[in-house]
Amino acid sequence: VLEVEALPSGSGVEFVDKVVGGSVP
């Protein structure tokens, strides 16, 4: 399950891990 959101121009692509409780090991 992902949340996708816009970033300001020139920011590139960011990946953020906010998994809690080990739902994804």
PDB file of all heavy atoms in Angstrom:
ATOM      1  N   VAL A   1       0.874  -1.185   0.000  1.00  0.00           N
ATOM      2  CA  VAL A   1       0.000   0.000   0.000  1.00  0.00           C
ATOM      3  C   VAL A   1       0.909   1.233   0.000  1.00  0.00           C
ATOM      4  O   VAL A   1       1.768   1.387   0.883  1.00  0.00           O
ATOM      5  CB  VAL A   1      -0.930   0.025   1.229  1.00  0.00           C
ATOM      6  CG1 VAL A   1      -1.824   1.270   1.189  1.00  0.00           C
ATOM      7  CG2 VAL A   1      -1.775  -1.244   1.297  1.00  0.00           C
ATOM      8  N   LEU A   2       0.725   2.075  -1.015  1.00  0.00           N
ATOM      9  CA  LEU A   2       1.555   3.279  -1.174  1.00  0.00           C
ATOM     10  C   LEU A   2       0.702   4.534  -1.121  1.00  0.00           C
ATOM     11  O   LEU A   2      -0.445   4.531  -1.581  1.00  0.00           O
ATOM     12  CB  LEU A   2       2.263   3.284  -2.534  1.00  0.00           C
ATOM     13  CG  LEU A   2       3.470   2.390  -2.801  1.00  0.00           C
ATOM     14  CD1 LEU A   2       3.979   2.671  -4.213  1.00  0.00           C
ATOM     15  CD2 LEU A   2       4.577   2.633  -1.797  1.00  0.00           C
ATOM     16  N   GLU A   3       1.282   5.582  -0.595  1.00  0.00           N
ATOM     17  CA  GLU A   3       0.720   6.919  -0.785  1.00  0.00           C
ATOM     18  C   GLU A   3       1.626   7.642  -1.772  1.00  0.00           C
ATOM     19  O   GLU A   3       2.845   7.692  -1.589  1.00  0.00           O
ATOM     20  CB  GLU A   3       0.675   7.696   0.532  1.00  0.00           C
ATOM     21  CG  GLU A   3      -0.465   7.285   1.441  1.00  0.00           C
ATOM     22  CD  GLU A   3      -0.468   8.076   2.745  1.00  0.00           C
ATOM     23  OE1 GLU A   3       0.245   9.107   2.813  1.00  0.00           O
ATOM     24  OE2 GLU A   3      -1.163   7.652   3.675  1.00  0.00           O
ATOM     25  N   VAL A   4       1.036   8.175  -2.833  1.00  0.00           N
ATOM     26  CA  VAL A   4       1.788   8.892  -3.862  1.00  0.00           C
ATOM     27  C   VAL A   4       1.423  10.365  -3.787  1.00  0.00           C
ATOM     28  O   VAL A   4       0.232  10.708  -3.782  1.00  0.00           O
ATOM     29  CB  VAL A   4       1.468   8.326  -5.274  1.00  0.00           C
ATOM     30  CG1 VAL A   4       2.162   9.147  -6.348  1.00  0.00           C
ATOM     31  CG2 VAL A   4       1.887   6.869  -5.366  1.00  0.00           C
ATOM     32  N   GLU A   5       2.427  11.241  -3.700  1.00  0.00           N
ATOM     33  CA  GLU A   5       2.135  12.679  -3.623  1.00  0.00           C
ATOM     34  C   GLU A   5       3.156  13.482  -4.422  1.00  0.00           C
ATOM     35  O   GLU A   5       4.289  13.047  -4.652  1.00  0.00           O
ATOM     36  CB  GLU A   5       2.096  13.145  -2.164  1.00  0.00           C
ATOM     37  CG  GLU A   5       3.381  12.932  -1.393  1.00  0.00           C
ATOM     38  CD  GLU A   5       3.244  13.288   0.080  1.00  0.00           C
ATOM     39  OE1 GLU A   5       2.185  12.974   0.660  1.00  0.00           O
ATOM     40  OE2 GLU A   5       4.208  13.854   0.637  1.00  0.00           O
ATOM     41  N   ALA A   6       2.711  14.675  -4.838  1.00  0.00           N
ATOM     42  CA  ALA A   6       3.557  15.545  -5.671  1.00  0.00           C
ATOM     43  C   ALA A   6       4.641  16.206  -4.842  1.00  0.00           C
ATOM     44  O   ALA A   6       4.456  16.506  -3.658  1.00  0.00           O
ATOM     45  CB  ALA A   6       2.687  16.611  -6.337  1.00  0.00           C
ATOM     46  N   LEU A   7       5.781  16.434  -5.490  1.00  0.00           N
ATOM     47  CA  LEU A   7       6.898  17.180  -4.891  1.00  0.00           C
ATOM     48  C   LEU A   7       7.186  18.416  -5.753  1.00  0.00           C
ATOM     49  O   LEU A   7       6.815  18.462  -6.935  1.00  0.00           O
ATOM     50  CB  LEU A   7       8.154  16.298  -4.848  1.00  0.00           C
ATOM     51  CG  LEU A   7       8.201  15.193  -3.780  1.00  0.00           C
ATOM     52  CD1 LEU A   7       9.469  14.375  -3.969  1.00  0.00           C
ATOM     53  CD2 LEU A   7       8.165  15.769  -2.383  1.00  0.00           C
ATOM     54  N   PRO A   8       7.864  19.415  -5.197  1.00  0.00           N
ATOM     55  CA  PRO A   8       8.224  20.591  -6.013  1.00  0.00           C
ATOM     56  C   PRO A   8       9.118  20.197  -7.198  1.00  0.00           C
ATOM     57  O   PRO A   8       9.840  19.201  -7.142  1.00  0.00           O
ATOM     58  CB  PRO A   8       8.995  21.489  -5.032  1.00  0.00           C
ATOM     59  CG  PRO A   8       8.594  21.022  -3.681  1.00  0.00           C
ATOM     60  CD  PRO A   8       8.281  19.573  -3.797  1.00  0.00           C
ATOM     61  N   SER A   9       9.059  21.001  -8.247  1.00  0.00           N
ATOM     62  CA  SER A   9       9.841  20.742  -9.457  1.00  0.00           C
ATOM     63  C   SER A   9      11.331  20.624  -9.140  1.00  0.00           C
ATOM     64  O   SER A   9      11.878  21.412  -8.383  1.00  0.00           O
ATOM     65  CB  SER A   9       9.620  21.880 -10.458  1.00  0.00           C
ATOM     66  OG  SER A   9      10.394  21.672 -11.599  1.00  0.00           O
ATOM     67  N   GLY A  10      11.957  19.604  -9.715  1.00  0.00           N
ATOM     68  CA  GLY A  10      13.395  19.402  -9.519  1.00  0.00           C
ATOM     69  C   GLY A  10      13.748  18.558  -8.316  1.00  0.00           C
ATOM     70  O   GLY A  10      14.919  18.361  -8.010  1.00  0.00           O
ATOM     71  N   SER A  11      12.744  18.028  -7.613  1.00  0.00           N
ATOM     72  CA  SER A  11      12.999  17.247  -6.383  1.00  0.00           C
ATOM     73  C   SER A  11      13.383  15.802  -6.663  1.00  0.00           C
ATOM     74  O   SER A  11      13.918  15.119  -5.790  1.00  0.00           O
ATOM     75  CB  SER A  11      11.765  17.259  -5.475  1.00  0.00           C
ATOM     76  OG  SER A  11      11.406  18.566  -5.133  1.00  0.00           O
ATOM     77  N   GLY A  12      13.064  15.308  -7.863  1.00  0.00           N
ATOM     78  CA  GLY A  12      13.354  13.910  -8.151  1.00  0.00           C
ATOM     79  C   GLY A  12      12.271  13.003  -7.576  1.00  0.00           C
ATOM     80  O   GLY A  12      11.123  13.407  -7.400  1.00  0.00           O
ATOM     81  N   VAL A  13      12.636  11.774  -7.277  1.00  0.00           N
ATOM     82  CA  VAL A  13      11.687  10.799  -6.710  1.00  0.00           C
ATOM     83  C   VAL A  13      12.185  10.357  -5.344  1.00  0.00           C
ATOM     84  O   VAL A  13      13.349   9.993  -5.191  1.00  0.00           O
ATOM     85  CB  VAL A  13      11.527   9.573  -7.645  1.00  0.00           C
ATOM     86  CG1 VAL A  13      10.624   8.526  -7.004  1.00  0.00           C
ATOM     87  CG2 VAL A  13      10.952  10.007  -8.984  1.00  0.00           C
ATOM     88  N   GLU A  14      11.304  10.436  -4.370  1.00  0.00           N
ATOM     89  CA  GLU A  14      11.666  10.035  -2.999  1.00  0.00           C
ATOM     90  C   GLU A  14      10.907   8.782  -2.602  1.00  0.00           C
ATOM     91  O   GLU A  14       9.729   8.620  -2.941  1.00  0.00           O
ATOM     92  CB  GLU A  14      11.302  11.147  -2.001  1.00  0.00           C
ATOM     93  CG  GLU A  14      12.216  12.354  -2.048  1.00  0.00           C
ATOM     94  CD  GLU A  14      11.816  13.391  -0.993  1.00  0.00           C
ATOM     95  OE1 GLU A  14      11.050  13.019  -0.067  1.00  0.00           O
ATOM     96  OE2 GLU A  14      12.243  14.546  -1.119  1.00  0.00           O
ATOM     97  N   PHE A  15      11.565   7.909  -1.849  1.00  0.00           N
ATOM     98  CA  PHE A  15      10.899   6.741  -1.260  1.00  0.00           C
ATOM     99  C   PHE A  15      10.976   6.875   0.260  1.00  0.00           C
ATOM    100  O   PHE A  15      12.048   7.128   0.818  1.00  0.00           O
ATOM    101  CB  PHE A  15      11.587   5.450  -1.706  1.00  0.00           C
ATOM    102  CG  PHE A  15      11.077   4.224  -0.995  1.00  0.00           C
ATOM    103  CD1 PHE A  15       9.830   3.683  -1.290  1.00  0.00           C
ATOM    104  CD2 PHE A  15      11.835   3.613   0.007  1.00  0.00           C
ATOM    105  CE1 PHE A  15       9.358   2.560  -0.618  1.00  0.00           C
ATOM    106  CE2 PHE A  15      11.377   2.491   0.682  1.00  0.00           C
ATOM    107  CZ  PHE A  15      10.124   1.964   0.359  1.00  0.00           C
ATOM    108  N   VAL A  16       9.809   6.758   0.914  1.00  0.00           N
ATOM    109  CA  VAL A  16       9.747   6.882   2.375  1.00  0.00           C
ATOM    110  C   VAL A  16       9.104   5.624   2.951  1.00  0.00           C
ATOM    111  O   VAL A  16       8.044   5.185   2.486  1.00  0.00           O
ATOM    112  CB  VAL A  16       8.934   8.137   2.795  1.00  0.00           C
ATOM    113  CG1 VAL A  16       8.877   8.240   4.316  1.00  0.00           C
ATOM    114  CG2 VAL A  16       9.539   9.398   2.186  1.00  0.00           C
ATOM    115  N   ASP A  17       9.752   5.058   3.936  1.00  0.00           N
ATOM    116  CA  ASP A  17       9.227   3.844   4.602  1.00  0.00           C
ATOM    117  C   ASP A  17       8.513   4.259   5.892  1.00  0.00           C
ATOM    118  O   ASP A  17       9.133   4.772   6.824  1.00  0.00           O
ATOM    119  CB  ASP A  17      10.396   2.901   4.897  1.00  0.00           C
ATOM    120  CG  ASP A  17       9.987   1.750   5.817  1.00  0.00           C
ATOM    121  OD1 ASP A  17       8.783   1.451   5.895  1.00  0.00           O
ATOM    122  OD2 ASP A  17      10.897   1.172   6.447  1.00  0.00           O
ATOM    123  N   LYS A  18       7.169   4.056   5.922  1.00  0.00           N
ATOM    124  CA  LYS A  18       6.403   4.368   7.139  1.00  0.00           C
ATOM    125  C   LYS A  18       5.631   3.140   7.632  1.00  0.00           C
ATOM    126  O   LYS A  18       4.571   3.257   8.241  1.00  0.00           O
ATOM    127  CB  LYS A  18       5.433   5.518   6.856  1.00  0.00           C
ATOM    128  CG  LYS A  18       6.116   6.897   6.797  1.00  0.00           C
ATOM    129  CD  LYS A  18       5.104   8.010   6.875  1.00  0.00           C
ATOM    130  CE  LYS A  18       5.797   9.372   6.906  1.00  0.00           C
ATOM    131  NZ  LYS A  18       4.797  10.467   6.884  1.00  0.00           N
ATOM    132  N   VAL A  19       6.167   1.988   7.313  1.00  0.00           N
ATOM    133  CA  VAL A  19       5.507   0.740   7.731  1.00  0.00           C
ATOM    134  C   VAL A  19       5.676   0.557   9.242  1.00  0.00           C
ATOM    135  O   VAL A  19       6.781   0.739   9.776  1.00  0.00           O
ATOM    136  CB  VAL A  19       6.107  -0.460   6.978  1.00  0.00           C
ATOM    137  CG1 VAL A  19       5.587  -1.770   7.566  1.00  0.00           C
ATOM    138  CG2 VAL A  19       5.773  -0.375   5.504  1.00  0.00           C
ATOM    139  N   VAL A  20       4.581   0.222   9.911  1.00  0.00           N
ATOM    140  CA  VAL A  20       4.648  -0.090  11.355  1.00  0.00           C
ATOM    141  C   VAL A  20       4.045  -1.475  11.595  1.00  0.00           C
ATOM    142  O   VAL A  20       3.189  -1.934  10.844  1.00  0.00           O
ATOM    143  CB  VAL A  20       3.898   0.973  12.199  1.00  0.00           C
ATOM    144  CG1 VAL A  20       4.647   2.292  12.181  1.00  0.00           C
ATOM    145  CG2 VAL A  20       2.471   1.164  11.722  1.00  0.00           C
ATOM    146  N   GLY A  21       4.502  -2.108  12.610  1.00  0.00           N
ATOM    147  CA  GLY A  21       3.919  -3.386  13.019  1.00  0.00           C
ATOM    148  C   GLY A  21       4.323  -4.566  12.173  1.00  0.00           C
ATOM    149  O   GLY A  21       3.737  -5.644  12.299  1.00  0.00           O
ATOM    150  N   GLY A  22       5.294  -4.388  11.272  1.00  0.00           N
ATOM    151  CA  GLY A  22       5.806  -5.523  10.498  1.00  0.00           C
ATOM    152  C   GLY A  22       4.886  -6.038   9.421  1.00  0.00           C
ATOM    153  O   GLY A  22       5.002  -7.194   9.006  1.00  0.00           O
ATOM    154  N   SER A  23       3.927  -5.202   8.963  1.00  0.00           N
ATOM    155  CA  SER A  23       3.011  -5.668   7.903  1.00  0.00           C
ATOM    156  C   SER A  23       3.791  -5.995   6.625  1.00  0.00           C
ATOM    157  O   SER A  23       3.378  -6.849   5.848  1.00  0.00           O
ATOM    158  CB  SER A  23       1.933  -4.624   7.625  1.00  0.00           C
ATOM    159  OG  SER A  23       2.525  -3.379   7.283  1.00  0.00           O
ATOM    160  N   VAL A  24       4.904  -5.267   6.401  1.00  0.00           N
ATOM    161  CA  VAL A  24       5.859  -5.656   5.348  1.00  0.00           C
ATOM    162  C   VAL A  24       7.190  -5.890   6.062  1.00  0.00           C
ATOM    163  O   VAL A  24       7.747  -4.967   6.660  1.00  0.00           O
ATOM    164  CB  VAL A  24       6.017  -4.553   4.278  1.00  0.00           C
ATOM    165  CG1 VAL A  24       7.071  -4.974   3.260  1.00  0.00           C
ATOM    166  CG2 VAL A  24       4.696  -4.250   3.581  1.00  0.00           C
ATOM    167  N   PRO A  25       7.693  -7.126   6.063  1.00  0.00           N
ATOM    168  CA  PRO A  25       8.943  -7.416   6.778  1.00  0.00           C
ATOM    169  C   PRO A  25      10.094  -6.535   6.304  1.00  0.00           C
ATOM    170  O   PRO A  25      10.162  -6.171   5.125  1.00  0.00           O
ATOM    171  CB  PRO A  25       9.197  -8.888   6.442  1.00  0.00           C
ATOM    172  CG  PRO A  25       7.854  -9.440   6.086  1.00  0.00           C
ATOM    173  CD  PRO A  25       7.099  -8.324   5.449  1.00  0.00           C
TER     174      PRO A  25
END
